[in-house]
Amino acid sequence: MAAFKLLPSNTIESDNGYRKEDFLDYINANELLLAMEELDRVIEDNPSPSKEFWLHLISASKLMGNKHLVKYESILNAT
């Protein structure tokens, strides 16, 4: 949720990228890995969010058994 709160209100949504409704559905269903993956797709249609956004996803990744950790660290380093 911390990363989600950092997204600007004008974030572009798409079927192949991030969708706010899908993210919230995953959170409400306690599907945390799917929620995290939905958030990381924000870069499909938008500029990369802040470093803080990726740091939150890195923290979430570590809590989820390092799922996508290398990907998120790579994006953070490129941001």
PDB file of N, CA and C in Angstrom:
ATOM      1  N   MET A   1       0.822  -1.192   0.000  1.00  0.00           N
ATOM      2  CA  MET A   1       0.000   0.000   0.000  1.00  0.00           C
ATOM      3  C   MET A   1       0.872   1.264   0.000  1.00  0.00           C
ATOM      4  N   ALA A   2       2.043   1.173   0.620  1.00  0.00           N
ATOM      5  CA  ALA A   2       2.923   2.342   0.674  1.00  0.00           C
ATOM      6  C   ALA A   2       3.358   2.749  -0.731  1.00  0.00           C
ATOM      7  N   ALA A   3       3.696   1.778  -1.571  1.00  0.00           N
ATOM      8  CA  ALA A   3       4.082   2.087  -2.954  1.00  0.00           C
ATOM      9  C   ALA A   3       2.885   2.627  -3.729  1.00  0.00           C
ATOM     10  N   PHE A   4       1.738   2.023  -3.550  1.00  0.00           N
ATOM     11  CA  PHE A   4       0.509   2.461  -4.226  1.00  0.00           C
ATOM     12  C   PHE A   4       0.220   3.929  -3.933  1.00  0.00           C
ATOM     13  N   LYS A   5       0.401   4.339  -2.693  1.00  0.00           N
ATOM     14  CA  LYS A   5       0.118   5.722  -2.291  1.00  0.00           C
ATOM     15  C   LYS A   5       1.059   6.726  -2.948  1.00  0.00           C
ATOM     16  N   LEU A   6       2.170   6.255  -3.484  1.00  0.00           N
ATOM     17  CA  LEU A   6       3.131   7.145  -4.149  1.00  0.00           C
ATOM     18  C   LEU A   6       2.804   7.380  -5.627  1.00  0.00           C
ATOM     19  N   LEU A   7       1.848   6.619  -6.168  1.00  0.00           N
ATOM     20  CA  LEU A   7       1.492   6.813  -7.575  1.00  0.00           C
ATOM     21  C   LEU A   7       0.741   8.130  -7.756  1.00  0.00           C
ATOM     22  N   PRO A   8       1.080   8.896  -8.777  1.00  0.00           N
ATOM     23  CA  PRO A   8       0.357  10.139  -9.026  1.00  0.00           C
ATOM     24  C   PRO A   8      -1.096   9.865  -9.433  1.00  0.00           C
ATOM     25  N   SER A   9      -1.946  10.820  -9.192  1.00  0.00           N
ATOM     26  CA  SER A   9      -3.372  10.649  -9.503  1.00  0.00           C
ATOM     27  C   SER A   9      -3.617  10.507 -11.002  1.00  0.00           C
ATOM     28  N   ASN A  10      -2.696  10.986 -11.813  1.00  0.00           N
ATOM     29  CA  ASN A  10      -2.874  10.917 -13.267  1.00  0.00           C
ATOM     30  C   ASN A  10      -2.163   9.705 -13.888  1.00  0.00           C
ATOM     31  N   THR A  11      -1.926   8.676 -13.101  1.00  0.00           N
ATOM     32  CA  THR A  11      -1.278   7.457 -13.596  1.00  0.00           C
ATOM     33  C   THR A  11      -2.145   6.813 -14.671  1.00  0.00           C
ATOM     34  N   ILE A  12      -1.532   6.507 -15.798  1.00  0.00           N
ATOM     35  CA  ILE A  12      -2.238   5.880 -16.918  1.00  0.00           C
ATOM     36  C   ILE A  12      -2.439   4.399 -16.612  1.00  0.00           C
ATOM     37  N   GLU A  13      -3.645   3.916 -16.874  1.00  0.00           N
ATOM     38  CA  GLU A  13      -3.975   2.508 -16.674  1.00  0.00           C
ATOM     39  C   GLU A  13      -4.210   1.862 -18.032  1.00  0.00           C
ATOM     40  N   SER A  14      -3.944   0.557 -18.109  1.00  0.00           N
ATOM     41  CA  SER A  14      -4.209  -0.171 -19.348  1.00  0.00           C
ATOM     42  C   SER A  14      -4.378  -1.653 -19.049  1.00  0.00           C
ATOM     43  N   ASP A  15      -4.920  -2.376 -20.013  1.00  0.00           N
ATOM     44  CA  ASP A  15      -5.117  -3.821 -19.842  1.00  0.00           C
ATOM     45  C   ASP A  15      -3.793  -4.576 -19.753  1.00  0.00           C
ATOM     46  N   ASN A  16      -2.748  -4.077 -20.392  1.00  0.00           N
ATOM     47  CA  ASN A  16      -1.444  -4.750 -20.371  1.00  0.00           C
ATOM     48  C   ASN A  16      -0.516  -4.189 -19.310  1.00  0.00           C
ATOM     49  N   GLY A  17      -0.950  -3.134 -18.642  1.00  0.00           N
ATOM     50  CA  GLY A  17      -0.138  -2.502 -17.609  1.00  0.00           C
ATOM     51  C   GLY A  17      -0.860  -2.520 -16.280  1.00  0.00           C
ATOM     52  N   TYR A  18      -0.735  -1.440 -15.569  1.00  0.00           N
ATOM     53  CA  TYR A  18      -1.326  -1.289 -14.237  1.00  0.00           C
ATOM     54  C   TYR A  18      -2.798  -0.932 -14.339  1.00  0.00           C
ATOM     55  N   ARG A  19      -3.593  -1.520 -13.448  1.00  0.00           N
ATOM     56  CA  ARG A  19      -5.005  -1.158 -13.294  1.00  0.00           C
ATOM     57  C   ARG A  19      -5.286  -1.040 -11.794  1.00  0.00           C
ATOM     58  N   LYS A  20      -5.680   0.150 -11.395  1.00  0.00           N
ATOM     59  CA  LYS A  20      -5.953   0.425  -9.979  1.00  0.00           C
ATOM     60  C   LYS A  20      -6.985  -0.550  -9.414  1.00  0.00           C
ATOM     61  N   GLU A  21      -8.059  -0.773 -10.144  1.00  0.00           N
ATOM     62  CA  GLU A  21      -9.126  -1.654  -9.672  1.00  0.00           C
ATOM     63  C   GLU A  21      -8.607  -3.072  -9.419  1.00  0.00           C
ATOM     64  N   ASP A  22      -7.762  -3.568 -10.327  1.00  0.00           N
ATOM     65  CA  ASP A  22      -7.190  -4.905 -10.149  1.00  0.00           C
ATOM     66  C   ASP A  22      -6.297  -4.949  -8.910  1.00  0.00           C
ATOM     67  N   PHE A  23      -5.465  -3.910  -8.738  1.00  0.00           N
ATOM     68  CA  PHE A  23      -4.596  -3.853  -7.563  1.00  0.00           C
ATOM     69  C   PHE A  23      -5.418  -3.914  -6.282  1.00  0.00           C
ATOM     70  N   LEU A  24      -6.458  -3.092  -6.198  1.00  0.00           N
ATOM     71  CA  LEU A  24      -7.288  -3.068  -4.994  1.00  0.00           C
ATOM     72  C   LEU A  24      -8.025  -4.384  -4.784  1.00  0.00           C
ATOM     73  N   ASP A  25      -8.466  -5.013  -5.857  1.00  0.00           N
ATOM     74  CA  ASP A  25      -9.103  -6.336  -5.741  1.00  0.00           C
ATOM     75  C   ASP A  25      -8.131  -7.356  -5.153  1.00  0.00           C
ATOM     76  N   TYR A  26      -6.887  -7.344  -5.633  1.00  0.00           N
ATOM     77  CA  TYR A  26      -5.875  -8.276  -5.118  1.00  0.00           C
ATOM     78  C   TYR A  26      -5.584  -8.010  -3.638  1.00  0.00           C
ATOM     79  N   ILE A  27      -5.470  -6.755  -3.269  1.00  0.00           N
ATOM     80  CA  ILE A  27      -5.218  -6.402  -1.863  1.00  0.00           C
ATOM     81  C   ILE A  27      -6.371  -6.898  -0.995  1.00  0.00           C
ATOM     82  N   ASN A  28      -7.588  -6.627  -1.435  1.00  0.00           N
ATOM     83  CA  ASN A  28      -8.757  -7.031  -0.644  1.00  0.00           C
ATOM     84  C   ASN A  28      -8.890  -8.541  -0.533  1.00  0.00           C
ATOM     85  N   ALA A  29      -8.388  -9.270  -1.512  1.00  0.00           N
ATOM     86  CA  ALA A  29      -8.424 -10.739  -1.485  1.00  0.00           C
ATOM     87  C   ALA A  29      -7.174 -11.324  -0.821  1.00  0.00           C
ATOM     88  N   ASN A  30      -6.300 -10.462  -0.303  1.00  0.00           N
ATOM     89  CA  ASN A  30      -5.049 -10.866   0.323  1.00  0.00           C
ATOM     90  C   ASN A  30      -4.136 -11.625  -0.646  1.00  0.00           C
ATOM     91  N   GLU A  31      -4.222 -11.289  -1.915  1.00  0.00           N
ATOM     92  CA  GLU A  31      -3.342 -11.842  -2.952  1.00  0.00           C
ATOM     93  C   GLU A  31      -2.174 -10.870  -3.126  1.00  0.00           C
ATOM     94  N   LEU A  32      -1.273 -10.886  -2.161  1.00  0.00           N
ATOM     95  CA  LEU A  32      -0.242  -9.857  -2.093  1.00  0.00           C
ATOM     96  C   LEU A  32       0.769  -9.927  -3.227  1.00  0.00           C
ATOM     97  N   LEU A  33       1.130 -11.107  -3.666  1.00  0.00           N
ATOM     98  CA  LEU A  33       2.068 -11.222  -4.786  1.00  0.00           C
ATOM     99  C   LEU A  33       1.436 -10.655  -6.056  1.00  0.00           C
ATOM    100  N   LEU A  34       0.177 -10.974  -6.302  1.00  0.00           N
ATOM    101  CA  LEU A  34      -0.507 -10.426  -7.476  1.00  0.00           C
ATOM    102  C   LEU A  34      -0.626  -8.908  -7.382  1.00  0.00           C
ATOM    103  N   ALA A  35      -0.878  -8.391  -6.191  1.00  0.00           N
ATOM    104  CA  ALA A  35      -0.966  -6.939  -6.001  1.00  0.00           C
ATOM    105  C   ALA A  35       0.374  -6.279  -6.303  1.00  0.00           C
ATOM    106  N   MET A  36       1.444  -6.883  -5.826  1.00  0.00           N
ATOM    107  CA  MET A  36       2.781  -6.359  -6.068  1.00  0.00           C
ATOM    108  C   MET A  36       3.089  -6.369  -7.569  1.00  0.00           C
ATOM    109  N   GLU A  37       2.742  -7.454  -8.237  1.00  0.00           N
ATOM    110  CA  GLU A  37       2.980  -7.554  -9.676  1.00  0.00           C
ATOM    111  C   GLU A  37       2.139  -6.549 -10.452  1.00  0.00           C
ATOM    112  N   GLU A  38       0.933  -6.295  -9.998  1.00  0.00           N
ATOM    113  CA  GLU A  38       0.090  -5.287 -10.650  1.00  0.00           C
ATOM    114  C   GLU A  38       0.744  -3.918 -10.550  1.00  0.00           C
ATOM    115  N   LEU A  39       1.266  -3.592  -9.387  1.00  0.00           N
ATOM    116  CA  LEU A  39       1.942  -2.304  -9.203  1.00  0.00           C
ATOM    117  C   LEU A  39       3.165  -2.169 -10.089  1.00  0.00           C
ATOM    118  N   ASP A  40       3.945  -3.232 -10.219  1.00  0.00           N
ATOM    119  CA  ASP A  40       5.183  -3.085 -10.994  1.00  0.00           C
ATOM    120  C   ASP A  40       4.903  -2.875 -12.480  1.00  0.00           C
ATOM    121  N   ARG A  41       3.694  -3.208 -12.929  1.00  0.00           N
ATOM    122  CA  ARG A  41       3.343  -2.986 -14.338  1.00  0.00           C
ATOM    123  C   ARG A  41       3.039  -1.525 -14.655  1.00  0.00           C
ATOM    124  N   VAL A  42       3.101  -0.671 -13.648  1.00  0.00           N
ATOM    125  CA  VAL A  42       2.847   0.749 -13.872  1.00  0.00           C
ATOM    126  C   VAL A  42       3.822   1.326 -14.905  1.00  0.00           C
ATOM    127  N   ILE A  43       5.011   0.733 -15.017  1.00  0.00           N
ATOM    128  CA  ILE A  43       6.010   1.274 -15.943  1.00  0.00           C
ATOM    129  C   ILE A  43       5.714   0.930 -17.401  1.00  0.00           C
ATOM    130  N   GLU A  44       4.699   0.116 -17.651  1.00  0.00           N
ATOM    131  CA  GLU A  44       4.323  -0.195 -19.036  1.00  0.00           C
ATOM    132  C   GLU A  44       3.816   1.049 -19.770  1.00  0.00           C
ATOM    133  N   ASP A  45       3.113   1.915 -19.066  1.00  0.00           N
ATOM    134  CA  ASP A  45       2.462   3.073 -19.699  1.00  0.00           C
ATOM    135  C   ASP A  45       2.821   4.402 -19.060  1.00  0.00           C
ATOM    136  N   ASN A  46       3.722   4.382 -18.092  1.00  0.00           N
ATOM    137  CA  ASN A  46       4.069   5.588 -17.343  1.00  0.00           C
ATOM    138  C   ASN A  46       5.573   5.667 -17.145  1.00  0.00           C
ATOM    139  N   PRO A  47       6.071   6.866 -16.866  1.00  0.00           N
ATOM    140  CA  PRO A  47       7.480   6.957 -16.478  1.00  0.00           C
ATOM    141  C   PRO A  47       7.697   6.179 -15.180  1.00  0.00           C
ATOM    142  N   SER A  48       8.895   5.764 -14.942  1.00  0.00           N
ATOM    143  CA  SER A  48       9.191   5.027 -13.716  1.00  0.00           C
ATOM    144  C   SER A  48       8.868   5.895 -12.507  1.00  0.00           C
ATOM    145  N   PRO A  49       8.135   5.338 -11.545  1.00  0.00           N
ATOM    146  CA  PRO A  49       7.875   6.088 -10.314  1.00  0.00           C
ATOM    147  C   PRO A  49       9.177   6.372  -9.565  1.00  0.00           C
ATOM    148  N   SER A  50       9.052   7.010  -8.445  1.00  0.00           N
ATOM    149  CA  SER A  50      10.216   7.420  -7.648  1.00  0.00           C
ATOM    150  C   SER A  50      11.007   6.233  -7.118  1.00  0.00           C
ATOM    151  N   LYS A  51      12.221   6.527  -6.685  1.00  0.00           N
ATOM    152  CA  LYS A  51      13.049   5.497  -6.063  1.00  0.00           C
ATOM    153  C   LYS A  51      12.342   4.935  -4.831  1.00  0.00           C
ATOM    154  N   GLU A  52      11.650   5.785  -4.111  1.00  0.00           N
ATOM    155  CA  GLU A  52      10.932   5.342  -2.913  1.00  0.00           C
ATOM    156  C   GLU A  52       9.885   4.273  -3.254  1.00  0.00           C
ATOM    157  N   PHE A  53       9.211   4.428  -4.389  1.00  0.00           N
ATOM    158  CA  PHE A  53       8.239   3.441  -4.859  1.00  0.00           C
ATOM    159  C   PHE A  53       8.902   2.077  -4.985  1.00  0.00           C
ATOM    160  N   TRP A  54      10.059   2.045  -5.657  1.00  0.00           N
ATOM    161  CA  TRP A  54      10.763   0.776  -5.879  1.00  0.00           C
ATOM    162  C   TRP A  54      11.337   0.221  -4.578  1.00  0.00           C
ATOM    163  N   LEU A  55      11.738   1.083  -3.672  1.00  0.00           N
ATOM    164  CA  LEU A  55      12.213   0.609  -2.366  1.00  0.00           C
ATOM    165  C   LEU A  55      11.090  -0.096  -1.608  1.00  0.00           C
ATOM    166  N   HIS A  56       9.871   0.414  -1.720  1.00  0.00           N
ATOM    167  CA  HIS A  56       8.732  -0.256  -1.084  1.00  0.00           C
ATOM    168  C   HIS A  56       8.474  -1.616  -1.732  1.00  0.00           C
ATOM    169  N   LEU A  57       8.579  -1.681  -3.059  1.00  0.00           N
ATOM    170  CA  LEU A  57       8.384  -2.974  -3.720  1.00  0.00           C
ATOM    171  C   LEU A  57       9.519  -3.949  -3.382  1.00  0.00           C
ATOM    172  N   ILE A  58      10.716  -3.446  -3.220  1.00  0.00           N
ATOM    173  CA  ILE A  58      11.830  -4.298  -2.798  1.00  0.00           C
ATOM    174  C   ILE A  58      11.560  -4.853  -1.406  1.00  0.00           C
ATOM    175  N   SER A  59      11.083  -4.021  -0.508  1.00  0.00           N
ATOM    176  CA  SER A  59      10.744  -4.497   0.840  1.00  0.00           C
ATOM    177  C   SER A  59       9.644  -5.548   0.783  1.00  0.00           C
ATOM    178  N   ALA A  60       8.626  -5.299  -0.033  1.00  0.00           N
ATOM    179  CA  ALA A  60       7.536  -6.273  -0.189  1.00  0.00           C
ATOM    180  C   ALA A  60       8.071  -7.571  -0.782  1.00  0.00           C
ATOM    181  N   SER A  61       8.975  -7.450  -1.737  1.00  0.00           N
ATOM    182  CA  SER A  61       9.570  -8.621  -2.372  1.00  0.00           C
ATOM    183  C   SER A  61      10.296  -9.491  -1.344  1.00  0.00           C
ATOM    184  N   LYS A  62      11.032  -8.856  -0.468  1.00  0.00           N
ATOM    185  CA  LYS A  62      11.764  -9.600   0.561  1.00  0.00           C
ATOM    186  C   LYS A  62      10.803 -10.325   1.495  1.00  0.00           C
ATOM    187  N   LEU A  63       9.688  -9.689   1.811  1.00  0.00           N
ATOM    188  CA  LEU A  63       8.681 -10.327   2.653  1.00  0.00           C
ATOM    189  C   LEU A  63       7.997 -11.496   1.938  1.00  0.00           C
ATOM    190  N   MET A  64       8.002 -11.457   0.606  1.00  0.00           N
ATOM    191  CA  MET A  64       7.348 -12.489  -0.194  1.00  0.00           C
ATOM    192  C   MET A  64       8.355 -13.543  -0.679  1.00  0.00           C
ATOM    193  N   GLY A  65       9.484 -13.652  -0.019  1.00  0.00           N
ATOM    194  CA  GLY A  65      10.475 -14.665  -0.396  1.00  0.00           C
ATOM    195  C   GLY A  65      11.331 -14.257  -1.576  1.00  0.00           C
ATOM    196  N   ASN A  66      11.589 -12.969  -1.708  1.00  0.00           N
ATOM    197  CA  ASN A  66      12.440 -12.403  -2.764  1.00  0.00           C
ATOM    198  C   ASN A  66      11.870 -12.546  -4.168  1.00  0.00           C
ATOM    199  N   LYS A  67      10.554 -12.628  -4.272  1.00  0.00           N
ATOM    200  CA  LYS A  67       9.914 -12.667  -5.590  1.00  0.00           C
ATOM    201  C   LYS A  67      10.183 -11.349  -6.309  1.00  0.00           C
ATOM    202  N   HIS A  68      10.755 -11.417  -7.476  1.00  0.00           N
ATOM    203  CA  HIS A  68      11.034 -10.262  -8.338  1.00  0.00           C
ATOM    204  C   HIS A  68      12.084  -9.308  -7.763  1.00  0.00           C
ATOM    205  N   LEU A  69      12.820  -9.735  -6.764  1.00  0.00           N
ATOM    206  CA  LEU A  69      13.797  -8.854  -6.121  1.00  0.00           C
ATOM    207  C   LEU A  69      14.831  -8.332  -7.108  1.00  0.00           C
ATOM    208  N   VAL A  70      15.389  -9.199  -7.927  1.00  0.00           N
ATOM    209  CA  VAL A  70      16.417  -8.781  -8.889  1.00  0.00           C
ATOM    210  C   VAL A  70      15.837  -7.766  -9.872  1.00  0.00           C
ATOM    211  N   LYS A  71      14.629  -8.008 -10.328  1.00  0.00           N
ATOM    212  CA  LYS A  71      13.960  -7.082 -11.258  1.00  0.00           C
ATOM    213  C   LYS A  71      13.802  -5.707 -10.621  1.00  0.00           C
ATOM    214  N   TYR A  72      13.296  -5.673  -9.392  1.00  0.00           N
ATOM    215  CA  TYR A  72      13.046  -4.391  -8.724  1.00  0.00           C
ATOM    216  C   TYR A  72      14.341  -3.652  -8.413  1.00  0.00           C
ATOM    217  N   GLU A  73      15.355  -4.386  -8.011  1.00  0.00           N
ATOM    218  CA  GLU A  73      16.647  -3.740  -7.753  1.00  0.00           C
ATOM    219  C   GLU A  73      17.238  -3.172  -9.032  1.00  0.00           C
ATOM    220  N   SER A  74      17.064  -3.876 -10.137  1.00  0.00           N
ATOM    221  CA  SER A  74      17.554  -3.405 -11.427  1.00  0.00           C
ATOM    222  C   SER A  74      16.827  -2.126 -11.843  1.00  0.00           C
ATOM    223  N   ILE A  75      15.526  -2.105 -11.679  1.00  0.00           N
ATOM    224  CA  ILE A  75      14.755  -0.904 -12.025  1.00  0.00           C
ATOM    225  C   ILE A  75      15.153   0.244 -11.128  1.00  0.00           C
ATOM    226  N   LEU A  76      15.317  -0.019  -9.834  1.00  0.00           N
ATOM    227  CA  LEU A  76      15.737   1.024  -8.898  1.00  0.00           C
ATOM    228  C   LEU A  76      17.075   1.617  -9.329  1.00  0.00           C
ATOM    229  N   ASN A  77      18.009   0.779  -9.695  1.00  0.00           N
ATOM    230  CA  ASN A  77      19.328   1.263 -10.117  1.00  0.00           C
ATOM    231  C   ASN A  77      19.270   2.082 -11.394  1.00  0.00           C
ATOM    232  N   ALA A  78      18.278   1.828 -12.221  1.00  0.00           N
ATOM    233  CA  ALA A  78      18.136   2.571 -13.471  1.00  0.00           C
ATOM    234  C   ALA A  78      17.319   3.866 -13.294  1.00  0.00           C
ATOM    235  N   THR A  79      16.693   4.002 -12.140  1.00  0.00           N
ATOM    236  CA  THR A  79      15.838   5.178 -11.886  1.00  0.00           C
ATOM    237  C   THR A  79      16.646   6.340 -11.382  1.00  0.00           C
TER     238      THR A  79
END
